PDB file of all heavy atoms in Angstrom:
ATOM      1  N   LEU A   1      42.721 -92.750 109.373  1.00  0.00           N
ATOM      2  CA  LEU A   1      41.742 -93.013 108.318  1.00  0.00           C
ATOM      3  C   LEU A   1      40.546 -92.067 108.432  1.00  0.00           C
ATOM      4  O   LEU A   1      40.014 -91.603 107.418  1.00  0.00           O
ATOM      5  CB  LEU A   1      41.271 -94.464 108.379  1.00  0.00           C
ATOM      6  CG  LEU A   1      42.327 -95.532 108.122  1.00  0.00           C
ATOM      7  CD1 LEU A   1      41.725 -96.912 108.246  1.00  0.00           C
ATOM      8  CD2 LEU A   1      42.957 -95.349 106.736  1.00  0.00           C
ATOM      9  N   TYR A   2      40.135 -91.782 109.654  1.00  0.00           N
ATOM     10  CA  TYR A   2      39.015 -90.867 109.863  1.00  0.00           C
ATOM     11  C   TYR A   2      39.360 -89.472 109.334  1.00  0.00           C
ATOM     12  O   TYR A   2      38.563 -88.856 108.615  1.00  0.00           O
ATOM     13  CB  TYR A   2      38.668 -90.797 111.349  1.00  0.00           C
ATOM     14  CG  TYR A   2      37.659 -89.718 111.675  1.00  0.00           C
ATOM     15  CD1 TYR A   2      36.304 -89.932 111.499  1.00  0.00           C
ATOM     16  CD2 TYR A   2      38.080 -88.469 112.145  1.00  0.00           C
ATOM     17  CE1 TYR A   2      35.380 -88.937 111.778  1.00  0.00           C
ATOM     18  CE2 TYR A   2      37.168 -87.468 112.431  1.00  0.00           C
ATOM     19  CZ  TYR A   2      35.821 -87.705 112.247  1.00  0.00           C
ATOM     20  OH  TYR A   2      34.920 -86.709 112.514  1.00  0.00           O
ATOM     21  N   GLU A   3      40.524 -88.968 109.692  1.00  0.00           N
ATOM     22  CA  GLU A   3      40.911 -87.628 109.263  1.00  0.00           C
ATOM     23  C   GLU A   3      41.031 -87.532 107.744  1.00  0.00           C
ATOM     24  O   GLU A   3      40.807 -86.459 107.168  1.00  0.00           O
ATOM     25  CB  GLU A   3      42.244 -87.233 109.911  1.00  0.00           C
ATOM     26  CG  GLU A   3      42.165 -87.042 111.418  1.00  0.00           C
ATOM     27  CD  GLU A   3      41.258 -85.893 111.833  1.00  0.00           C
ATOM     28  OE1 GLU A   3      41.007 -85.002 110.992  1.00  0.00           O
ATOM     29  OE2 GLU A   3      40.793 -85.894 112.986  1.00  0.00           O
ATOM     30  N   ALA A   4      41.361 -88.635 107.086  1.00  0.00           N
ATOM     31  CA  ALA A   4      41.539 -88.623 105.629  1.00  0.00           C
ATOM     32  C   ALA A   4      40.240 -88.856 104.874  1.00  0.00           C
ATOM     33  O   ALA A   4      40.203 -88.692 103.646  1.00  0.00           O
ATOM     34  CB  ALA A   4      42.556 -89.687 105.218  1.00  0.00           C
ATOM     35  N   ASN A   5      39.167 -89.216 105.570  1.00  0.00           N
ATOM     36  CA  ASN A   5      37.933 -89.597 104.896  1.00  0.00           C
ATOM     37  C   ASN A   5      37.068 -88.379 104.589  1.00  0.00           C
ATOM     38  O   ASN A   5      36.790 -87.573 105.477  1.00  0.00           O
ATOM     39  CB  ASN A   5      37.158 -90.594 105.761  1.00  0.00           C
ATOM     40  CG  ASN A   5      36.073 -91.295 104.981  1.00  0.00           C
ATOM     41  OD1 ASN A   5      35.023 -90.731 104.703  1.00  0.00           O
ATOM     42  ND2 ASN A   5      36.333 -92.545 104.612  1.00  0.00           N
ATOM     43  N   GLU A   6      36.629 -88.280 103.359  1.00  0.00           N
ATOM     44  CA  GLU A   6      35.851 -87.113 102.942  1.00  0.00           C
ATOM     45  C   GLU A   6      34.444 -87.093 103.551  1.00  0.00           C
ATOM     46  O   GLU A   6      33.768 -86.067 103.533  1.00  0.00           O
ATOM     47  CB  GLU A   6      35.741 -87.065 101.420  1.00  0.00           C
ATOM     48  CG  GLU A   6      35.021 -88.239 100.800  1.00  0.00           C
ATOM     49  CD  GLU A   6      34.950 -88.142  99.290  1.00  0.00           C
ATOM     50  OE1 GLU A   6      35.195 -87.029  98.764  1.00  0.00           O
ATOM     51  OE2 GLU A   6      34.637 -89.157  98.635  1.00  0.00           O
ATOM     52  N   HIS A   7      34.016 -88.217 104.078  1.00  0.00           N
ATOM     53  CA  HIS A   7      32.687 -88.299 104.686  1.00  0.00           C
ATOM     54  C   HIS A   7      32.759 -88.304 106.213  1.00  0.00           C
ATOM     55  O   HIS A   7      31.797 -88.710 106.875  1.00  0.00           O
ATOM     56  CB  HIS A   7      31.977 -89.568 104.202  1.00  0.00           C
ATOM     57  CG  HIS A   7      31.838 -89.656 102.721  1.00  0.00           C
ATOM     58  ND1 HIS A   7      31.081 -88.776 101.977  1.00  0.00           N
ATOM     59  CD2 HIS A   7      32.394 -90.530 101.825  1.00  0.00           C
ATOM     60  CE1 HIS A   7      31.155 -89.093 100.696  1.00  0.00           C
ATOM     61  NE2 HIS A   7      31.944 -90.144 100.571  1.00  0.00           N
ATOM     62  N   ARG A   8      33.853 -87.839 106.766  1.00  0.00           N
ATOM     63  CA  ARG A   8      34.036 -87.946 108.215  1.00  0.00           C
ATOM     64  C   ARG A   8      32.987 -87.174 109.003  1.00  0.00           C
ATOM     65  O   ARG A   8      32.647 -87.572 110.122  1.00  0.00           O
ATOM     66  CB  ARG A   8      35.436 -87.484 108.614  1.00  0.00           C
ATOM     67  CG  ARG A   8      35.785 -86.054 108.275  1.00  0.00           C
ATOM     68  CD  ARG A   8      37.232 -85.745 108.669  1.00  0.00           C
ATOM     69  NE  ARG A   8      37.632 -84.405 108.270  1.00  0.00           N
ATOM     70  CZ  ARG A   8      38.104 -84.098 107.057  1.00  0.00           C
ATOM     71  NH1 ARG A   8      38.226 -85.055 106.148  1.00  0.00           N
ATOM     72  NH2 ARG A   8      38.441 -82.863 106.743  1.00  0.00           N
ATOM     73  N   GLU A   9      32.456 -86.091 108.450  1.00  0.00           N
ATOM     74  CA  GLU A   9      31.463 -85.317 109.183  1.00  0.00           C
ATOM     75  C   GLU A   9      30.161 -86.096 109.364  1.00  0.00           C
ATOM     76  O   GLU A   9      29.342 -85.749 110.224  1.00  0.00           O
ATOM     77  CB  GLU A   9      31.186 -83.995 108.455  1.00  0.00           C
ATOM     78  CG  GLU A   9      32.392 -83.072 108.335  1.00  0.00           C
ATOM     79  CD  GLU A   9      32.990 -82.729 109.692  1.00  0.00           C
ATOM     80  OE1 GLU A   9      32.204 -82.580 110.654  1.00  0.00           O
ATOM     81  OE2 GLU A   9      34.223 -82.600 109.801  1.00  0.00           O
ATOM     82  N   GLN A  10      29.967 -87.130 108.569  1.00  0.00           N
ATOM     83  CA  GLN A  10      28.757 -87.939 108.676  1.00  0.00           C
ATOM     84  C   GLN A  10      28.912 -89.088 109.671  1.00  0.00           C
ATOM     85  O   GLN A  10      27.958 -89.801 109.969  1.00  0.00           O
ATOM     86  CB  GLN A  10      28.398 -88.513 107.305  1.00  0.00           C
ATOM     87  CG  GLN A  10      28.183 -87.447 106.235  1.00  0.00           C
ATOM     88  CD  GLN A  10      28.039 -88.056 104.851  1.00  0.00           C
ATOM     89  OE1 GLN A  10      27.697 -89.229 104.706  1.00  0.00           O
ATOM     90  NE2 GLN A  10      28.308 -87.266 103.820  1.00  0.00           N
ATOM     91  N   MET A  11      30.110 -89.273 110.184  1.00  0.00           N
ATOM     92  CA  MET A  11      30.376 -90.393 111.065  1.00  0.00           C
ATOM     93  C   MET A  11      30.192 -90.012 112.533  1.00  0.00           C
ATOM     94  O   MET A  11      30.315 -88.846 112.904  1.00  0.00           O
ATOM     95  CB  MET A  11      31.810 -90.920 110.850  1.00  0.00           C
ATOM     96  CG  MET A  11      31.958 -91.786 109.629  1.00  0.00           C
ATOM     97  SD  MET A  11      33.606 -92.560 109.563  1.00  0.00           S
ATOM     98  CE  MET A  11      34.453 -91.378 108.527  1.00  0.00           C
ATOM     99  N   ASP A  12      29.928 -91.027 113.336  1.00  0.00           N
ATOM    100  CA  ASP A  12      29.825 -90.868 114.792  1.00  0.00           C
ATOM    101  C   ASP A  12      31.214 -91.160 115.361  1.00  0.00           C
ATOM    102  O   ASP A  12      31.528 -92.304 115.686  1.00  0.00           O
ATOM    103  CB  ASP A  12      28.779 -91.835 115.334  1.00  0.00           C
ATOM    104  CG  ASP A  12      28.594 -91.738 116.842  1.00  0.00           C
ATOM    105  OD1 ASP A  12      29.402 -91.048 117.500  1.00  0.00           O
ATOM    106  OD2 ASP A  12      27.659 -92.369 117.358  1.00  0.00           O
ATOM    107  N   LEU A  13      32.023 -90.127 115.493  1.00  0.00           N
ATOM    108  CA  LEU A  13      33.413 -90.312 115.910  1.00  0.00           C
ATOM    109  C   LEU A  13      33.509 -90.821 117.335  1.00  0.00           C
ATOM    110  O   LEU A  13      34.355 -91.660 117.641  1.00  0.00           O
ATOM    111  CB  LEU A  13      34.196 -89.003 115.760  1.00  0.00           C
ATOM    112  CG  LEU A  13      35.668 -89.054 116.187  1.00  0.00           C
ATOM    113  CD1 LEU A  13      36.436 -90.113 115.403  1.00  0.00           C
ATOM    114  CD2 LEU A  13      36.324 -87.682 116.012  1.00  0.00           C
ATOM    115  N   GLU A  14      32.671 -90.338 118.210  1.00  0.00           N
ATOM    116  CA  GLU A  14      32.725 -90.803 119.593  1.00  0.00           C
ATOM    117  C   GLU A  14      32.514 -92.311 119.661  1.00  0.00           C
ATOM    118  O   GLU A  14      33.270 -93.036 120.325  1.00  0.00           O
ATOM    119  CB  GLU A  14      31.676 -90.103 120.450  1.00  0.00           C
ATOM    120  CG  GLU A  14      31.702 -90.583 121.902  1.00  0.00           C
ATOM    121  CD  GLU A  14      30.597 -89.967 122.750  1.00  0.00           C
ATOM    122  OE1 GLU A  14      29.443 -89.919 122.276  1.00  0.00           O
ATOM    123  OE2 GLU A  14      30.888 -89.565 123.889  1.00  0.00           O
ATOM    124  N   SER A  15      31.497 -92.803 118.968  1.00  0.00           N
ATOM    125  CA  SER A  15      31.219 -94.237 118.977  1.00  0.00           C
ATOM    126  C   SER A  15      32.359 -95.023 118.343  1.00  0.00           C
ATOM    127  O   SER A  15      32.720 -96.113 118.813  1.00  0.00           O
ATOM    128  CB  SER A  15      29.908 -94.530 118.237  1.00  0.00           C
ATOM    129  OG  SER A  15      28.806 -93.979 118.937  1.00  0.00           O
ATOM    130  N   LEU A  16      32.935 -94.482 117.293  1.00  0.00           N
ATOM    131  CA  LEU A  16      34.047 -95.148 116.620  1.00  0.00           C
ATOM    132  C   LEU A  16      35.264 -95.216 117.540  1.00  0.00           C
ATOM    133  O   LEU A  16      35.957 -96.256 117.599  1.00  0.00           O
ATOM    134  CB  LEU A  16      34.396 -94.411 115.319  1.00  0.00           C
ATOM    135  CG  LEU A  16      35.543 -94.978 114.486  1.00  0.00           C
ATOM    136  CD1 LEU A  16      35.331 -96.453 114.165  1.00  0.00           C
ATOM    137  CD2 LEU A  16      35.693 -94.159 113.192  1.00  0.00           C
ATOM    138  N   LYS A  17      35.546 -94.154 118.248  1.00  0.00           N
ATOM    139  CA  LYS A  17      36.664 -94.161 119.201  1.00  0.00           C
ATOM    140  C   LYS A  17      36.469 -95.238 120.269  1.00  0.00           C
ATOM    141  O   LYS A  17      37.383 -96.014 120.571  1.00  0.00           O
ATOM    142  CB  LYS A  17      36.804 -92.791 119.874  1.00  0.00           C
ATOM    143  CG  LYS A  17      37.437 -91.714 119.022  1.00  0.00           C
ATOM    144  CD  LYS A  17      37.569 -90.435 119.840  1.00  0.00           C
ATOM    145  CE  LYS A  17      38.354 -89.375 119.091  1.00  0.00           C
ATOM    146  NZ  LYS A  17      38.568 -88.160 119.914  1.00  0.00           N
ATOM    147  N   ILE A  18      35.274 -95.281 120.830  1.00  0.00           N
ATOM    148  CA  ILE A  18      35.012 -96.253 121.896  1.00  0.00           C
ATOM    149  C   ILE A  18      35.118 -97.674 121.361  1.00  0.00           C
ATOM    150  O   ILE A  18      35.708 -98.553 122.004  1.00  0.00           O
ATOM    151  CB  ILE A  18      33.626 -95.999 122.516  1.00  0.00           C
ATOM    152  CG1 ILE A  18      33.593 -94.628 123.194  1.00  0.00           C
ATOM    153  CG2 ILE A  18      33.276 -97.103 123.526  1.00  0.00           C
ATOM    154  CD1 ILE A  18      32.218 -94.192 123.669  1.00  0.00           C
ATOM    155  N   ALA A  19      34.582 -97.910 120.162  1.00  0.00           N
ATOM    156  CA  ALA A  19      34.654 -99.246 119.569  1.00  0.00           C
ATOM    157  C   ALA A  19      36.094 -99.659 119.324  1.00  0.00           C
ATOM    158  O   ALA A  19      36.473-100.817 119.544  1.00  0.00           O
ATOM    159  CB  ALA A  19      33.852 -99.289 118.271  1.00  0.00           C
ATOM    160  N   ALA A  20      36.915 -98.725 118.863  1.00  0.00           N
ATOM    161  CA  ALA A  20      38.329 -99.037 118.625  1.00  0.00           C
ATOM    162  C   ALA A  20      39.042 -99.389 119.929  1.00  0.00           C
ATOM    163  O   ALA A  20      39.865-100.310 119.974  1.00  0.00           O
ATOM    164  CB  ALA A  20      39.022 -97.859 117.940  1.00  0.00           C
ATOM    165  N   ILE A  21      38.735 -98.675 120.985  1.00  0.00           N
ATOM    166  CA  ILE A  21      39.376 -98.932 122.267  1.00  0.00           C
ATOM    167  C   ILE A  21      38.978-100.307 122.813  1.00  0.00           C
ATOM    168  O   ILE A  21      39.803-101.048 123.340  1.00  0.00           O
ATOM    169  CB  ILE A  21      39.020 -97.831 123.285  1.00  0.00           C
ATOM    170  CG1 ILE A  21      39.607 -96.484 122.841  1.00  0.00           C
ATOM    171  CG2 ILE A  21      39.521 -98.194 124.689  1.00  0.00           C
ATOM    172  CD1 ILE A  21      39.109 -95.291 123.639  1.00  0.00           C
ATOM    173  N   PHE A  22      37.719-100.681 122.648  1.00  0.00           N
ATOM    174  CA  PHE A  22      37.208-101.913 123.239  1.00  0.00           C
ATOM    175  C   PHE A  22      37.230-103.106 122.281  1.00  0.00           C
ATOM    176  O   PHE A  22      36.879-104.211 122.698  1.00  0.00           O
ATOM    177  CB  PHE A  22      35.765-101.706 123.711  1.00  0.00           C
ATOM    178  CG  PHE A  22      35.640-101.028 125.042  1.00  0.00           C
ATOM    179  CD1 PHE A  22      35.623 -99.646 125.127  1.00  0.00           C
ATOM    180  CD2 PHE A  22      35.532-101.761 126.217  1.00  0.00           C
ATOM    181  CE1 PHE A  22      35.504 -98.997 126.352  1.00  0.00           C
ATOM    182  CE2 PHE A  22      35.411-101.135 127.443  1.00  0.00           C
ATOM    183  CZ  PHE A  22      35.395 -99.746 127.524  1.00  0.00           C
ATOM    184  N   HIS A  23      37.646-102.924 121.035  1.00  0.00           N
ATOM    185  CA  HIS A  23      37.385-103.956 120.028  1.00  0.00           C
ATOM    186  C   HIS A  23      37.998-105.310 120.350  1.00  0.00           C
ATOM    187  O   HIS A  23      37.454-106.351 119.984  1.00  0.00           O
ATOM    188  CB  HIS A  23      37.839-103.475 118.639  1.00  0.00           C
ATOM    189  CG  HIS A  23      39.295-103.624 118.348  1.00  0.00           C
ATOM    190  ND1 HIS A  23      40.246-102.740 118.823  1.00  0.00           N
ATOM    191  CD2 HIS A  23      39.976-104.554 117.632  1.00  0.00           C
ATOM    192  CE1 HIS A  23      41.434-103.116 118.405  1.00  0.00           C
ATOM    193  NE2 HIS A  23      41.305-104.222 117.683  1.00  0.00           N
ATOM    194  N   ASP A  24      39.118-105.356 121.071  1.00  0.00           N
ATOM    195  CA  ASP A  24      39.767-106.632 121.379  1.00  0.00           C
ATOM    196  C   ASP A  24      39.789-106.965 122.871  1.00  0.00           C
ATOM    197  O   ASP A  24      40.483-107.890 123.288  1.00  0.00           O
ATOM    198  CB  ASP A  24      41.211-106.636 120.852  1.00  0.00           C
ATOM    199  CG  ASP A  24      41.300-107.171 119.431  1.00  0.00           C
ATOM    200  OD1 ASP A  24      40.253-107.564 118.863  1.00  0.00           O
ATOM    201  OD2 ASP A  24      42.412-107.190 118.872  1.00  0.00           O
ATOM    202  N   CYS A  25      39.036-106.228 123.674  1.00  0.00           N
ATOM    203  CA  CYS A  25      39.114-106.454 125.124  1.00  0.00           C
ATOM    204  C   CYS A  25      38.616-107.842 125.502  1.00  0.00           C
ATOM    205  O   CYS A  25      38.964-108.359 126.565  1.00  0.00           O
ATOM    206  CB  CYS A  25      38.356-105.377 125.888  1.00  0.00           C
ATOM    207  SG  CYS A  25      36.562-105.438 125.712  1.00  0.00           S
ATOM    208  N   GLY A  26      37.826-108.482 124.652  1.00  0.00           N
ATOM    209  CA  GLY A  26      37.311-109.808 124.952  1.00  0.00           C
ATOM    210  C   GLY A  26      38.362-110.887 124.958  1.00  0.00           C
ATOM    211  O   GLY A  26      38.112-112.002 125.455  1.00  0.00           O
ATOM    212  N   TYR A  27      39.543-110.600 124.422  1.00  0.00           N
ATOM    213  CA  TYR A  27      40.609-111.598 124.418  1.00  0.00           C
ATOM    214  C   TYR A  27      41.060-111.956 125.828  1.00  0.00           C
ATOM    215  O   TYR A  27      41.611-113.029 126.049  1.00  0.00           O
ATOM    216  CB  TYR A  27      41.814-111.075 123.636  1.00  0.00           C
ATOM    217  CG  TYR A  27      41.793-111.403 122.169  1.00  0.00           C
ATOM    218  CD1 TYR A  27      41.755-110.386 121.218  1.00  0.00           C
ATOM    219  CD2 TYR A  27      41.835-112.714 121.724  1.00  0.00           C
ATOM    220  CE1 TYR A  27      41.745-110.675 119.861  1.00  0.00           C
ATOM    221  CE2 TYR A  27      41.827-113.015 120.373  1.00  0.00           C
ATOM    222  CZ  TYR A  27      41.781-111.991 119.444  1.00  0.00           C
ATOM    223  OH  TYR A  27      41.776-112.284 118.114  1.00  0.00           O
ATOM    224  N   GLY A  28      40.850-111.078 126.753  1.00  0.00           N
ATOM    225  CA  GLY A  28      41.313-111.338 128.108  1.00  0.00           C
ATOM    226  C   GLY A  28      40.450-112.315 128.886  1.00  0.00           C
ATOM    227  O   GLY A  28      40.749-112.632 130.033  1.00  0.00           O
ATOM    228  N   LYS A  29      39.369-112.812 128.273  1.00  0.00           N
ATOM    229  CA  LYS A  29      38.409-113.636 129.006  1.00  0.00           C
ATOM    230  C   LYS A  29      38.454-115.109 128.644  1.00  0.00           C
ATOM    231  O   LYS A  29      37.526-115.848 128.934  1.00  0.00           O
ATOM    232  CB  LYS A  29      36.982-113.093 128.774  1.00  0.00           C
ATOM    233  CG  LYS A  29      36.794-111.660 129.258  1.00  0.00           C
ATOM    234  CD  LYS A  29      37.150-111.523 130.730  1.00  0.00           C
ATOM    235  CE  LYS A  29      37.022-110.086 131.206  1.00  0.00           C
ATOM    236  NZ  LYS A  29      37.403-109.930 132.611  1.00  0.00           N
ATOM    237  N   GLY A  30      39.521-115.545 127.993  1.00  0.00           N
ATOM    238  CA  GLY A  30      39.650-116.978 127.735  1.00  0.00           C
ATOM    239  C   GLY A  30      39.762-117.301 126.264  1.00  0.00           C
ATOM    240  O   GLY A  30      39.394-116.514 125.400  1.00  0.00           O
ATOM    241  N   ARG A  31      40.235-118.510 125.974  1.00  0.00           N
ATOM    242  CA  ARG A  31      40.552-118.922 124.623  1.00  0.00           C
ATOM    243  C   ARG A  31      39.346-119.449 123.860  1.00  0.00           C
ATOM    244  O   ARG A  31      39.351-119.468 122.640  1.00  0.00           O
ATOM    245  CB  ARG A  31      41.620-120.018 124.641  1.00  0.00           C
ATOM    246  CG  ARG A  31      42.965-119.547 125.169  1.00  0.00           C
ATOM    247  CD  ARG A  31      43.893-120.728 125.328  1.00  0.00           C
ATOM    248  NE  ARG A  31      45.206-120.291 125.757  1.00  0.00           N
ATOM    249  CZ  ARG A  31      46.164-119.941 124.923  1.00  0.00           C
ATOM    250  NH1 ARG A  31      45.955-119.970 123.634  1.00  0.00           N
ATOM    251  NH2 ARG A  31      47.346-119.560 125.374  1.00  0.00           N
ATOM    252  N   ASN A  32      38.339-119.943 124.563  1.00  0.00           N
ATOM    253  CA  ASN A  32      37.263-120.658 123.896  1.00  0.00           C
ATOM    254  C   ASN A  32      36.056-119.781 123.591  1.00  0.00           C
ATOM    255  O   ASN A  32      34.994-120.283 123.243  1.00  0.00           O
ATOM    256  CB  ASN A  32      36.828-121.851 124.761  1.00  0.00           C
ATOM    257  CG  ASN A  32      37.961-122.834 124.958  1.00  0.00           C
ATOM    258  OD1 ASN A  32      38.719-123.115 124.032  1.00  0.00           O
ATOM    259  ND2 ASN A  32      38.074-123.355 126.175  1.00  0.00           N
ATOM    260  N   GLU A  33      36.209-118.502 123.723  1.00  0.00           N
ATOM    261  CA  GLU A  33      35.115-117.578 123.468  1.00  0.00           C
ATOM    262  C   GLU A  33      35.396-116.756 122.211  1.00  0.00           C
ATOM    263  O   GLU A  33      36.537-116.548 121.825  1.00  0.00           O
ATOM    264  CB  GLU A  33      34.945-116.624 124.664  1.00  0.00           C
ATOM    265  CG  GLU A  33      34.719-117.324 125.998  1.00  0.00           C
ATOM    266  CD  GLU A  33      33.337-117.921 126.108  1.00  0.00           C
ATOM    267  OE1 GLU A  33      32.458-117.533 125.311  1.00  0.00           O
ATOM    268  OE2 GLU A  33      33.139-118.791 126.970  1.00  0.00           O
ATOM    269  N   ASN A  34      34.328-116.308 121.582  1.00  0.00           N
ATOM    270  CA  ASN A  34      34.450-115.374 120.461  1.00  0.00           C
ATOM    271  C   ASN A  34      34.793-114.009 121.049  1.00  0.00           C
ATOM    272  O   ASN A  34      33.958-113.374 121.687  1.00  0.00           O
ATOM    273  CB  ASN A  34      33.146-115.323 119.674  1.00  0.00           C
ATOM    274  CG  ASN A  34      33.211-114.394 118.483  1.00  0.00           C
ATOM    275  OD1 ASN A  34      33.816-113.335 118.535  1.00  0.00           O
ATOM    276  ND2 ASN A  34      32.576-114.796 117.398  1.00  0.00           N
ATOM    277  N   HIS A  35      36.036-113.556 120.817  1.00  0.00           N
ATOM    278  CA  HIS A  35      36.493-112.346 121.508  1.00  0.00           C
ATOM    279  C   HIS A  35      35.663-111.126 121.141  1.00  0.00           C
ATOM    280  O   HIS A  35      35.490-110.214 121.950  1.00  0.00           O
ATOM    281  CB  HIS A  35      37.976-112.087 121.206  1.00  0.00           C
ATOM    282  CG  HIS A  35      38.233-111.422 119.901  1.00  0.00           C
ATOM    283  ND1 HIS A  35      38.300-112.096 118.699  1.00  0.00           N
ATOM    284  CD2 HIS A  35      38.426-110.111 119.593  1.00  0.00           C
ATOM    285  CE1 HIS A  35      38.540-111.247 117.726  1.00  0.00           C
ATOM    286  NE2 HIS A  35      38.614-110.028 118.235  1.00  0.00           N
ATOM    287  N   ALA A  36      35.142-111.069 119.911  1.00  0.00           N
ATOM    288  CA  ALA A  36      34.366-109.909 119.491  1.00  0.00           C
ATOM    289  C   ALA A  36      33.025-109.849 120.228  1.00  0.00           C
ATOM    290  O   ALA A  36      32.586-108.759 120.655  1.00  0.00           O
ATOM    291  CB  ALA A  36      34.137-109.954 117.988  1.00  0.00           C
ATOM    292  N   ILE A  37      32.383-110.992 120.389  1.00  0.00           N
ATOM    293  CA  ILE A  37      31.113-111.036 121.118  1.00  0.00           C
ATOM    294  C   ILE A  37      31.337-110.743 122.601  1.00  0.00           C
ATOM    295  O   ILE A  37      30.598-109.970 123.216  1.00  0.00           O
ATOM    296  CB  ILE A  37      30.439-112.413 120.942  1.00  0.00           C
ATOM    297  CG1 ILE A  37      30.176-112.692 119.448  1.00  0.00           C
ATOM    298  CG2 ILE A  37      29.145-112.469 121.741  1.00  0.00           C
ATOM    299  CD1 ILE A  37      29.288-111.693 118.779  1.00  0.00           C
TER     300      ILE A  37
END
């Protein structure tokens, strides 16, 4: 999606990459927590 986006030069790709890698890591910490937080 990033490569196809005409506004990609305006985006912070490094931050987006890191967020994508970590976005679901909270699932490993239990069922009763908000995984995103």
